All heavy atoms as atom14 arrays in JSON, in Angstrom:
{
  "sequence": "AWPLLTSFRPEALLTARDARPHLPRGLLLDSLWPGCWAVARQLQCVA",
  "atom14_mask": [
    [1, 1, 1, 1, 1, 0, 0, 0, 0, 0, 0, 0, 0, 0],
    [1, 1, 1, 1, 1, 1, 1, 1, 1, 1, 1, 1, 1, 1],
    [1, 1, 1, 1, 1, 1, 1, 0, 0, 0, 0, 0, 0, 0],
    [1, 1, 1, 1, 1, 1, 1, 1, 0, 0, 0, 0, 0, 0],
    [1, 1, 1, 1, 1, 1, 1, 1, 0, 0, 0, 0, 0, 0],
    [1, 1, 1, 1, 1, 1, 1, 0, 0, 0, 0, 0, 0, 0],
    [1, 1, 1, 1, 1, 1, 0, 0, 0, 0, 0, 0, 0, 0],
    [1, 1, 1, 1, 1, 1, 1, 1, 1, 1, 1, 0, 0, 0],
    [1, 1, 1, 1, 1, 1, 1, 1, 1, 1, 1, 0, 0, 0],
    [1, 1, 1, 1, 1, 1, 1, 0, 0, 0, 0, 0, 0, 0],
    [1, 1, 1, 1, 1, 1, 1, 1, 1, 0, 0, 0, 0, 0],
    [1, 1, 1, 1, 1, 0, 0, 0, 0, 0, 0, 0, 0, 0],
    [1, 1, 1, 1, 1, 1, 1, 1, 0, 0, 0, 0, 0, 0],
    [1, 1, 1, 1, 1, 1, 1, 1, 0, 0, 0, 0, 0, 0],
    [1, 1, 1, 1, 1, 1, 1, 0, 0, 0, 0, 0, 0, 0],
    [1, 1, 1, 1, 1, 0, 0, 0, 0, 0, 0, 0, 0, 0],
    [1, 1, 1, 1, 1, 1, 1, 1, 1, 1, 1, 0, 0, 0],
    [1, 1, 1, 1, 1, 1, 1, 1, 0, 0, 0, 0, 0, 0],
    [1, 1, 1, 1, 1, 0, 0, 0, 0, 0, 0, 0, 0, 0],
    [1, 1, 1, 1, 1, 1, 1, 1, 1, 1, 1, 0, 0, 0],
    [1, 1, 1, 1, 1, 1, 1, 0, 0, 0, 0, 0, 0, 0],
    [1, 1, 1, 1, 1, 1, 1, 1, 1, 1, 0, 0, 0, 0],
    [1, 1, 1, 1, 1, 1, 1, 1, 0, 0, 0, 0, 0, 0],
    [1, 1, 1, 1, 1, 1, 1, 0, 0, 0, 0, 0, 0, 0],
    [1, 1, 1, 1, 1, 1, 1, 1, 1, 1, 1, 0, 0, 0],
    [1, 1, 1, 1, 0, 0, 0, 0, 0, 0, 0, 0, 0, 0],
    [1, 1, 1, 1, 1, 1, 1, 1, 0, 0, 0, 0, 0, 0],
    [1, 1, 1, 1, 1, 1, 1, 1, 0, 0, 0, 0, 0, 0],
    [1, 1, 1, 1, 1, 1, 1, 1, 0, 0, 0, 0, 0, 0],
    [1, 1, 1, 1, 1, 1, 1, 1, 0, 0, 0, 0, 0, 0],
    [1, 1, 1, 1, 1, 1, 0, 0, 0, 0, 0, 0, 0, 0],
    [1, 1, 1, 1, 1, 1, 1, 1, 0, 0, 0, 0, 0, 0],
    [1, 1, 1, 1, 1, 1, 1, 1, 1, 1, 1, 1, 1, 1],
    [1, 1, 1, 1, 1, 1, 1, 0, 0, 0, 0, 0, 0, 0],
    [1, 1, 1, 1, 0, 0, 0, 0, 0, 0, 0, 0, 0, 0],
    [1, 1, 1, 1, 1, 1, 0, 0, 0, 0, 0, 0, 0, 0],
    [1, 1, 1, 1, 1, 1, 1, 1, 1, 1, 1, 1, 1, 1],
    [1, 1, 1, 1, 1, 0, 0, 0, 0, 0, 0, 0, 0, 0],
    [1, 1, 1, 1, 1, 1, 1, 0, 0, 0, 0, 0, 0, 0],
    [1, 1, 1, 1, 1, 0, 0, 0, 0, 0, 0, 0, 0, 0],
    [1, 1, 1, 1, 1, 1, 1, 1, 1, 1, 1, 0, 0, 0],
    [1, 1, 1, 1, 1, 1, 1, 1, 1, 0, 0, 0, 0, 0],
    [1, 1, 1, 1, 1, 1, 1, 1, 0, 0, 0, 0, 0, 0],
    [1, 1, 1, 1, 1, 1, 1, 1, 1, 0, 0, 0, 0, 0],
    [1, 1, 1, 1, 1, 1, 0, 0, 0, 0, 0, 0, 0, 0],
    [1, 1, 1, 1, 1, 1, 1, 0, 0, 0, 0, 0, 0, 0],
    [1, 1, 1, 1, 1, 0, 0, 0, 0, 0, 0, 0, 0, 0]
  ],
  "atom14_positions": [
    [[174.45, 128.84, 57.93], [173.9, 127.47, 58.14], [174.29, 126.98, 59.58], [175.3, 127.41, 60.17], [174.6, 126.46, 57.19], [0.0, 0.0, 0.0], [0.0, 0.0, 0.0], [0.0, 0.0, 0.0], [0.0, 0.0, 0.0], [0.0, 0.0, 0.0], [0.0, 0.0, 0.0], [0.0, 0.0, 0.0], [0.0, 0.0, 0.0], [0.0, 0.0, 0.0]],
    [[173.31, 126.07, 60.12], [173.67, 125.56, 61.45], [174.95, 124.82, 61.43], [175.41, 124.27, 60.32], [172.65, 124.54, 61.88], [171.31, 125.08, 62.09], [170.04, 124.67, 61.55], [170.92, 126.02, 63.08], [168.98, 125.33, 62.08], [169.36, 126.19, 63.07], [171.63, 126.81, 64.05], [168.79, 127.08, 63.9], [170.95, 127.72, 64.81], [169.5, 127.84, 64.8]],
    [[175.71, 124.73, 62.53], [176.83, 123.91, 62.59], [176.4, 122.41, 62.83], [175.32, 122.14, 63.04], [177.53, 124.39, 63.88], [176.49, 124.79, 64.86], [175.38, 125.44, 63.84], [0.0, 0.0, 0.0], [0.0, 0.0, 0.0], [0.0, 0.0, 0.0], [0.0, 0.0, 0.0], [0.0, 0.0, 0.0], [0.0, 0.0, 0.0], [0.0, 0.0, 0.0]],
    [[177.37, 121.48, 62.72], [177.13, 120.12, 63.11], [177.6, 119.91, 64.51], [178.76, 120.21, 64.85], [177.88, 119.18, 62.1], [177.75, 117.76, 62.47], [176.41, 117.25, 62.33], [178.79, 116.96, 61.55], [0.0, 0.0, 0.0], [0.0, 0.0, 0.0], [0.0, 0.0, 0.0], [0.0, 0.0, 0.0], [0.0, 0.0, 0.0], [0.0, 0.0, 0.0]],
    [[176.71, 119.4, 65.38], [177.01, 119.06, 66.82], [177.35, 117.63, 66.79], [176.58, 116.77, 66.41], [175.92, 119.32, 67.78], [175.37, 120.78, 67.8], [174.26, 120.85, 68.88], [176.58, 121.75, 68.06], [0.0, 0.0, 0.0], [0.0, 0.0, 0.0], [0.0, 0.0, 0.0], [0.0, 0.0, 0.0], [0.0, 0.0, 0.0], [0.0, 0.0, 0.0]],
    [[178.61, 117.23, 67.27], [179.04, 115.99, 67.35], [179.49, 115.58, 68.84], [179.8, 116.46, 69.56], [180.12, 115.59, 66.42], [181.28, 116.38, 66.67], [179.65, 115.79, 64.94], [0.0, 0.0, 0.0], [0.0, 0.0, 0.0], [0.0, 0.0, 0.0], [0.0, 0.0, 0.0], [0.0, 0.0, 0.0], [0.0, 0.0, 0.0], [0.0, 0.0, 0.0]],
    [[179.55, 114.33, 69.19], [180.09, 113.88, 70.45], [180.33, 112.37, 70.47], [179.61, 111.64, 69.79], [179.17, 114.31, 71.58], [179.8, 114.12, 72.85], [0.0, 0.0, 0.0], [0.0, 0.0, 0.0], [0.0, 0.0, 0.0], [0.0, 0.0, 0.0], [0.0, 0.0, 0.0], [0.0, 0.0, 0.0], [0.0, 0.0, 0.0], [0.0, 0.0, 0.0]],
    [[181.34, 111.99, 71.23], [181.54, 110.59, 71.56], [180.54, 110.09, 72.61], [180.34, 108.94, 72.82], [182.89, 110.32, 72.02], [183.95, 110.36, 70.95], [184.79, 111.51, 70.85], [184.15, 109.38, 70.14], [185.79, 111.62, 69.94], [185.17, 109.42, 69.15], [185.95, 110.52, 69.02], [0.0, 0.0, 0.0], [0.0, 0.0, 0.0], [0.0, 0.0, 0.0]],
    [[179.94, 111.13, 73.26], [179.07, 110.86, 74.48], [177.61, 110.86, 74.05], [177.04, 111.97, 73.91], [179.33, 111.87, 75.54], [180.76, 111.89, 76.03], [181.32, 110.55, 76.39], [180.55, 109.99, 77.52], [180.77, 108.77, 78.1], [181.75, 108.04, 77.64], [179.95, 108.35, 79.01], [0.0, 0.0, 0.0], [0.0, 0.0, 0.0], [0.0, 0.0, 0.0]],
    [[176.91, 109.72, 73.84], [175.46, 109.82, 73.49], [174.66, 110.53, 74.43], [173.69, 111.23, 74.07], [175.08, 108.33, 73.51], [176.42, 107.57, 73.31], [177.43, 108.37, 73.93], [0.0, 0.0, 0.0], [0.0, 0.0, 0.0], [0.0, 0.0, 0.0], [0.0, 0.0, 0.0], [0.0, 0.0, 0.0], [0.0, 0.0, 0.0], [0.0, 0.0, 0.0]],
    [[175.01, 110.61, 75.83], [174.25, 111.31, 76.77], [174.28, 112.82, 76.39], [173.23, 113.52, 76.62], [174.78, 111.11, 78.12], [174.97, 109.72, 78.55], [176.47, 109.27, 78.3], [177.01, 109.5, 77.2], [177.11, 108.8, 79.31], [0.0, 0.0, 0.0], [0.0, 0.0, 0.0], [0.0, 0.0, 0.0], [0.0, 0.0, 0.0], [0.0, 0.0, 0.0]],
    [[175.27, 113.3, 75.86], [175.38, 114.75, 75.54], [174.56, 115.02, 74.29], [173.83, 116.05, 74.26], [176.9, 115.16, 75.26], [0.0, 0.0, 0.0], [0.0, 0.0, 0.0], [0.0, 0.0, 0.0], [0.0, 0.0, 0.0], [0.0, 0.0, 0.0], [0.0, 0.0, 0.0], [0.0, 0.0, 0.0], [0.0, 0.0, 0.0], [0.0, 0.0, 0.0]],
    [[174.57, 114.09, 73.35], [173.73, 114.4, 72.11], [172.22, 114.2, 72.44], [171.46, 114.86, 71.82], [174.22, 113.28, 71.11], [175.5, 113.57, 70.39], [175.85, 112.45, 69.39], [175.59, 114.91, 69.69], [0.0, 0.0, 0.0], [0.0, 0.0, 0.0], [0.0, 0.0, 0.0], [0.0, 0.0, 0.0], [0.0, 0.0, 0.0], [0.0, 0.0, 0.0]],
    [[171.99, 113.36, 73.41], [170.53, 113.19, 73.82], [169.93, 114.44, 74.32], [168.88, 114.95, 73.93], [170.46, 112.05, 74.8], [169.04, 111.8, 75.26], [168.14, 111.37, 74.16], [169.02, 110.68, 76.34], [0.0, 0.0, 0.0], [0.0, 0.0, 0.0], [0.0, 0.0, 0.0], [0.0, 0.0, 0.0], [0.0, 0.0, 0.0], [0.0, 0.0, 0.0]],
    [[170.69, 115.09, 75.26], [170.19, 116.29, 75.88], [170.31, 117.5, 74.87], [169.37, 118.38, 74.86], [170.92, 116.71, 77.19], [172.29, 116.75, 76.94], [170.54, 115.7, 78.18], [0.0, 0.0, 0.0], [0.0, 0.0, 0.0], [0.0, 0.0, 0.0], [0.0, 0.0, 0.0], [0.0, 0.0, 0.0], [0.0, 0.0, 0.0], [0.0, 0.0, 0.0]],
    [[171.22, 117.54, 73.91], [171.27, 118.5, 72.88], [170.01, 118.27, 71.97], [169.36, 119.28, 71.58], [172.52, 118.28, 72.06], [0.0, 0.0, 0.0], [0.0, 0.0, 0.0], [0.0, 0.0, 0.0], [0.0, 0.0, 0.0], [0.0, 0.0, 0.0], [0.0, 0.0, 0.0], [0.0, 0.0, 0.0], [0.0, 0.0, 0.0], [0.0, 0.0, 0.0]],
    [[169.7, 117.11, 71.6], [168.49, 116.85, 70.87], [167.24, 117.27, 71.58], [166.4, 117.87, 70.88], [168.32, 115.26, 70.58], [167.18, 114.98, 69.63], [166.9, 113.51, 69.8], [166.23, 113.22, 71.06], [165.79, 112.04, 71.43], [165.94, 110.99, 70.71], [165.21, 111.93, 72.67], [0.0, 0.0, 0.0], [0.0, 0.0, 0.0], [0.0, 0.0, 0.0]],
    [[167.15, 116.95, 72.79], [165.91, 117.25, 73.56], [165.78, 118.87, 73.69], [164.69, 119.45, 73.75], [165.87, 116.67, 74.97], [165.7, 115.1, 74.8], [165.33, 114.65, 73.67], [166.03, 114.43, 75.77], [0.0, 0.0, 0.0], [0.0, 0.0, 0.0], [0.0, 0.0, 0.0], [0.0, 0.0, 0.0], [0.0, 0.0, 0.0], [0.0, 0.0, 0.0]],
    [[166.94, 119.49, 73.92], [166.88, 120.95, 74.05], [166.62, 121.73, 72.79], [165.87, 122.66, 72.79], [168.2, 121.39, 74.65], [0.0, 0.0, 0.0], [0.0, 0.0, 0.0], [0.0, 0.0, 0.0], [0.0, 0.0, 0.0], [0.0, 0.0, 0.0], [0.0, 0.0, 0.0], [0.0, 0.0, 0.0], [0.0, 0.0, 0.0], [0.0, 0.0, 0.0]],
    [[167.32, 121.29, 71.68], [167.15, 122.03, 70.42], [167.14, 121.0, 69.31], [168.17, 120.81, 68.61], [168.36, 123.05, 70.22], [168.32, 124.15, 71.24], [167.12, 125.05, 71.15], [167.22, 126.24, 71.9], [166.77, 126.31, 73.14], [166.17, 125.17, 73.75], [166.89, 127.43, 73.95], [0.0, 0.0, 0.0], [0.0, 0.0, 0.0], [0.0, 0.0, 0.0]],
    [[166.08, 120.29, 69.19], [165.97, 119.2, 68.21], [166.29, 119.47, 66.73], [166.62, 118.58, 65.99], [164.54, 118.64, 68.31], [163.81, 119.8, 68.96], [164.74, 120.57, 69.82], [0.0, 0.0, 0.0], [0.0, 0.0, 0.0], [0.0, 0.0, 0.0], [0.0, 0.0, 0.0], [0.0, 0.0, 0.0], [0.0, 0.0, 0.0], [0.0, 0.0, 0.0]],
    [[166.13, 120.76, 66.37], [166.45, 121.17, 65.03], [167.95, 121.26, 64.63], [168.22, 121.38, 63.46], [165.74, 122.52, 64.63], [166.17, 123.58, 65.72], [165.7, 123.62, 66.91], [167.07, 124.6, 65.54], [166.23, 124.59, 67.59], [167.08, 125.27, 66.68], [0.0, 0.0, 0.0], [0.0, 0.0, 0.0], [0.0, 0.0, 0.0], [0.0, 0.0, 0.0]],
    [[168.82, 121.2, 65.59], [170.25, 121.29, 65.38], [170.76, 119.95, 64.83], [170.49, 118.94, 65.41], [171.04, 121.72, 66.56], [170.71, 123.08, 67.11], [171.52, 123.39, 68.42], [170.91, 124.21, 65.99], [0.0, 0.0, 0.0], [0.0, 0.0, 0.0], [0.0, 0.0, 0.0], [0.0, 0.0, 0.0], [0.0, 0.0, 0.0], [0.0, 0.0, 0.0]],
    [[171.51, 119.98, 63.71], [172.04, 118.68, 63.19], [173.01, 118.0, 64.14], [173.92, 118.75, 64.78], [172.8, 119.14, 61.9], [172.28, 120.5, 61.65], [171.89, 121.11, 62.87], [0.0, 0.0, 0.0], [0.0, 0.0, 0.0], [0.0, 0.0, 0.0], [0.0, 0.0, 0.0], [0.0, 0.0, 0.0], [0.0, 0.0, 0.0], [0.0, 0.0, 0.0]],
    [[172.96, 116.71, 64.26], [173.81, 116.0, 65.19], [174.5, 114.87, 64.5], [173.98, 114.27, 63.55], [172.95, 115.35, 66.31], [172.26, 116.34, 67.29], [171.23, 115.75, 68.24], [170.17, 115.17, 67.46], [169.14, 115.77, 66.95], [169.11, 117.09, 67.01], [168.19, 115.16, 66.28], [0.0, 0.0, 0.0], [0.0, 0.0, 0.0], [0.0, 0.0, 0.0]],
    [[175.73, 114.53, 65.06], [176.44, 113.43, 64.55], [177.13, 112.58, 65.6], [177.69, 113.26, 66.59], [0.0, 0.0, 0.0], [0.0, 0.0, 0.0], [0.0, 0.0, 0.0], [0.0, 0.0, 0.0], [0.0, 0.0, 0.0], [0.0, 0.0, 0.0], [0.0, 0.0, 0.0], [0.0, 0.0, 0.0], [0.0, 0.0, 0.0], [0.0, 0.0, 0.0]],
    [[177.09, 111.3, 65.57], [177.75, 110.44, 66.6], [179.17, 110.16, 66.14], [179.41, 109.74, 65.0], [176.93, 109.11, 66.71], [177.48, 108.15, 67.77], [177.38, 108.78, 69.11], [176.76, 106.77, 67.63], [0.0, 0.0, 0.0], [0.0, 0.0, 0.0], [0.0, 0.0, 0.0], [0.0, 0.0, 0.0], [0.0, 0.0, 0.0], [0.0, 0.0, 0.0]],
    [[180.11, 110.5, 67.14], [181.47, 110.2, 66.9], [181.83, 108.83, 67.35], [181.32, 108.35, 68.44], [182.36, 111.15, 67.7], [182.79, 112.41, 67.0], [183.2, 113.5, 68.0], [183.93, 112.25, 66.07], [0.0, 0.0, 0.0], [0.0, 0.0, 0.0], [0.0, 0.0, 0.0], [0.0, 0.0, 0.0], [0.0, 0.0, 0.0], [0.0, 0.0, 0.0]],
    [[182.63, 108.05, 66.58], [182.91, 106.68, 66.93], [184.43, 106.42, 66.68], [184.95, 106.65, 65.57], [182.11, 105.66, 66.09], [180.62, 105.68, 66.28], [179.95, 104.85, 65.18], [180.31, 105.12, 67.62], [0.0, 0.0, 0.0], [0.0, 0.0, 0.0], [0.0, 0.0, 0.0], [0.0, 0.0, 0.0], [0.0, 0.0, 0.0], [0.0, 0.0, 0.0]],
    [[185.16, 105.96, 67.73], [186.46, 105.48, 67.6], [186.55, 104.0, 67.56], [187.63, 103.42, 67.29], [187.26, 106.03, 68.88], [188.82, 105.93, 68.66], [189.24, 106.25, 67.49], [189.43, 105.44, 69.46], [0.0, 0.0, 0.0], [0.0, 0.0, 0.0], [0.0, 0.0, 0.0], [0.0, 0.0, 0.0], [0.0, 0.0, 0.0], [0.0, 0.0, 0.0]],
    [[185.43, 103.32, 67.9], [185.31, 101.86, 67.64], [183.78, 101.61, 67.38], [182.97, 102.36, 67.73], [185.78, 101.11, 68.93], [184.91, 101.37, 70.01], [0.0, 0.0, 0.0], [0.0, 0.0, 0.0], [0.0, 0.0, 0.0], [0.0, 0.0, 0.0], [0.0, 0.0, 0.0], [0.0, 0.0, 0.0], [0.0, 0.0, 0.0], [0.0, 0.0, 0.0]],
    [[183.6, 100.43, 66.73], [182.2, 100.11, 66.45], [181.63, 99.2, 67.61], [181.55, 98.0, 67.54], [182.16, 99.32, 65.1], [182.68, 100.09, 63.93], [182.59, 99.26, 62.69], [182.01, 101.47, 63.77], [0.0, 0.0, 0.0], [0.0, 0.0, 0.0], [0.0, 0.0, 0.0], [0.0, 0.0, 0.0], [0.0, 0.0, 0.0], [0.0, 0.0, 0.0]],
    [[181.28, 100.05, 68.63], [180.8, 99.27, 69.89], [179.37, 98.72, 69.63], [178.64, 99.17, 68.8], [180.87, 100.17, 71.14], [180.46, 101.62, 70.92], [181.31, 102.58, 70.69], [179.17, 102.19, 71.05], [180.61, 103.86, 70.6], [179.33, 103.64, 70.83], [177.89, 101.63, 71.3], [178.26, 104.42, 70.86], [176.84, 102.52, 71.4], [176.96, 103.94, 71.15]],
    [[179.02, 97.66, 70.4], [177.65, 97.07, 70.18], [176.52, 98.04, 70.37], [176.46, 98.76, 71.3], [177.65, 95.94, 71.31], [179.08, 95.59, 71.57], [179.82, 96.92, 71.36], [0.0, 0.0, 0.0], [0.0, 0.0, 0.0], [0.0, 0.0, 0.0], [0.0, 0.0, 0.0], [0.0, 0.0, 0.0], [0.0, 0.0, 0.0], [0.0, 0.0, 0.0]],
    [[175.69, 98.08, 69.36], [174.59, 98.98, 69.43], [174.71, 100.39, 68.95], [173.8, 101.25, 69.15], [0.0, 0.0, 0.0], [0.0, 0.0, 0.0], [0.0, 0.0, 0.0], [0.0, 0.0, 0.0], [0.0, 0.0, 0.0], [0.0, 0.0, 0.0], [0.0, 0.0, 0.0], [0.0, 0.0, 0.0], [0.0, 0.0, 0.0], [0.0, 0.0, 0.0]],
    [[175.97, 100.72, 68.48], [176.28, 102.11, 68.09], [175.36, 102.56, 66.97], [174.87, 103.72, 67.05], [177.65, 102.22, 67.73], [178.2, 101.3, 66.23], [0.0, 0.0, 0.0], [0.0, 0.0, 0.0], [0.0, 0.0, 0.0], [0.0, 0.0, 0.0], [0.0, 0.0, 0.0], [0.0, 0.0, 0.0], [0.0, 0.0, 0.0], [0.0, 0.0, 0.0]],
    [[174.99, 101.73, 66.03], [174.03, 102.26, 65.0], [172.64, 102.5, 65.5], [172.0, 103.47, 65.12], [174.13, 101.28, 63.79], [175.44, 100.86, 63.37], [175.92, 99.68, 63.16], [176.47, 101.71, 62.94], [177.24, 99.67, 62.72], [177.49, 100.99, 62.46], [176.55, 103.24, 62.82], [178.8, 101.55, 61.99], [177.71, 103.8, 62.37], [178.87, 102.9, 61.96]],
    [[172.17, 101.69, 66.41], [170.9, 101.84, 67.01], [170.85, 103.24, 67.83], [169.88, 103.86, 67.81], [170.55, 100.69, 67.91], [0.0, 0.0, 0.0], [0.0, 0.0, 0.0], [0.0, 0.0, 0.0], [0.0, 0.0, 0.0], [0.0, 0.0, 0.0], [0.0, 0.0, 0.0], [0.0, 0.0, 0.0], [0.0, 0.0, 0.0], [0.0, 0.0, 0.0]],
    [[171.9, 103.49, 68.51], [172.05, 104.74, 69.22], [171.97, 105.9, 68.26], [171.27, 106.84, 68.47], [173.35, 104.81, 70.08], [173.61, 106.13, 70.59], [173.17, 103.71, 71.18], [0.0, 0.0, 0.0], [0.0, 0.0, 0.0], [0.0, 0.0, 0.0], [0.0, 0.0, 0.0], [0.0, 0.0, 0.0], [0.0, 0.0, 0.0], [0.0, 0.0, 0.0]],
    [[172.77, 105.87, 67.13], [172.65, 106.95, 66.13], [171.29, 107.11, 65.63], [170.9, 108.32, 65.42], [173.68, 106.6, 65.03], [0.0, 0.0, 0.0], [0.0, 0.0, 0.0], [0.0, 0.0, 0.0], [0.0, 0.0, 0.0], [0.0, 0.0, 0.0], [0.0, 0.0, 0.0], [0.0, 0.0, 0.0], [0.0, 0.0, 0.0], [0.0, 0.0, 0.0]],
    [[170.59, 106.09, 65.42], [169.14, 106.21, 65.0], [168.36, 106.9, 66.08], [167.54, 107.75, 65.75], [168.62, 104.86, 64.57], [169.21, 104.17, 63.38], [168.48, 102.91, 63.04], [169.33, 101.96, 62.3], [169.97, 100.93, 62.79], [169.74, 100.65, 64.1], [170.78, 100.18, 62.09], [0.0, 0.0, 0.0], [0.0, 0.0, 0.0], [0.0, 0.0, 0.0]],
    [[168.46, 106.35, 67.29], [167.68, 106.79, 68.37], [167.89, 108.37, 68.54], [167.01, 109.2, 68.86], [168.02, 106.2, 69.68], [167.32, 106.68, 70.98], [167.92, 106.17, 72.19], [168.95, 105.57, 72.25], [167.21, 106.39, 73.3], [0.0, 0.0, 0.0], [0.0, 0.0, 0.0], [0.0, 0.0, 0.0], [0.0, 0.0, 0.0], [0.0, 0.0, 0.0]],
    [[169.14, 108.82, 68.3], [169.5, 110.2, 68.61], [169.06, 111.05, 67.37], [169.26, 112.22, 67.31], [171.03, 110.32, 68.75], [171.52, 109.8, 70.16], [173.04, 109.71, 70.1], [171.01, 110.64, 71.34], [0.0, 0.0, 0.0], [0.0, 0.0, 0.0], [0.0, 0.0, 0.0], [0.0, 0.0, 0.0], [0.0, 0.0, 0.0], [0.0, 0.0, 0.0]],
    [[168.53, 110.4, 66.3], [168.18, 111.06, 65.1], [169.41, 111.92, 64.5], [169.18, 113.03, 64.07], [167.02, 111.89, 65.25], [165.72, 111.05, 65.72], [164.58, 111.85, 66.36], [164.85, 112.81, 67.07], [163.36, 111.49, 65.98], [0.0, 0.0, 0.0], [0.0, 0.0, 0.0], [0.0, 0.0, 0.0], [0.0, 0.0, 0.0], [0.0, 0.0, 0.0]],
    [[170.49, 111.18, 64.38], [171.65, 111.81, 63.85], [171.49, 111.97, 62.35], [170.88, 111.15, 61.69], [172.93, 110.99, 64.23], [173.42, 110.97, 65.89], [0.0, 0.0, 0.0], [0.0, 0.0, 0.0], [0.0, 0.0, 0.0], [0.0, 0.0, 0.0], [0.0, 0.0, 0.0], [0.0, 0.0, 0.0], [0.0, 0.0, 0.0], [0.0, 0.0, 0.0]],
    [[172.13, 112.98, 61.79], [172.16, 113.18, 60.31], [173.48, 112.75, 59.8], [173.67, 112.73, 58.6], [171.82, 114.64, 59.97], [170.5, 115.07, 60.47], [172.88, 115.57, 60.52], [0.0, 0.0, 0.0], [0.0, 0.0, 0.0], [0.0, 0.0, 0.0], [0.0, 0.0, 0.0], [0.0, 0.0, 0.0], [0.0, 0.0, 0.0], [0.0, 0.0, 0.0]],
    [[174.46, 112.48, 60.76], [175.78, 112.2, 60.28], [176.45, 111.18, 61.29], [176.04, 111.26, 62.5], [176.65, 113.44, 60.16], [0.0, 0.0, 0.0], [0.0, 0.0, 0.0], [0.0, 0.0, 0.0], [0.0, 0.0, 0.0], [0.0, 0.0, 0.0], [0.0, 0.0, 0.0], [0.0, 0.0, 0.0], [0.0, 0.0, 0.0], [0.0, 0.0, 0.0]]
  ]
}
């Protein structure tokens, strides 16, 4: 099975998505910063 790619850095997940959109992605959060859920949706995170 594919691994889960995660990062605290949305910029890294964005280019991962653009390069290989079929790979599962997850946004890492150490705090609930403003707009974090919108970013997770934009990045099409599965986790």
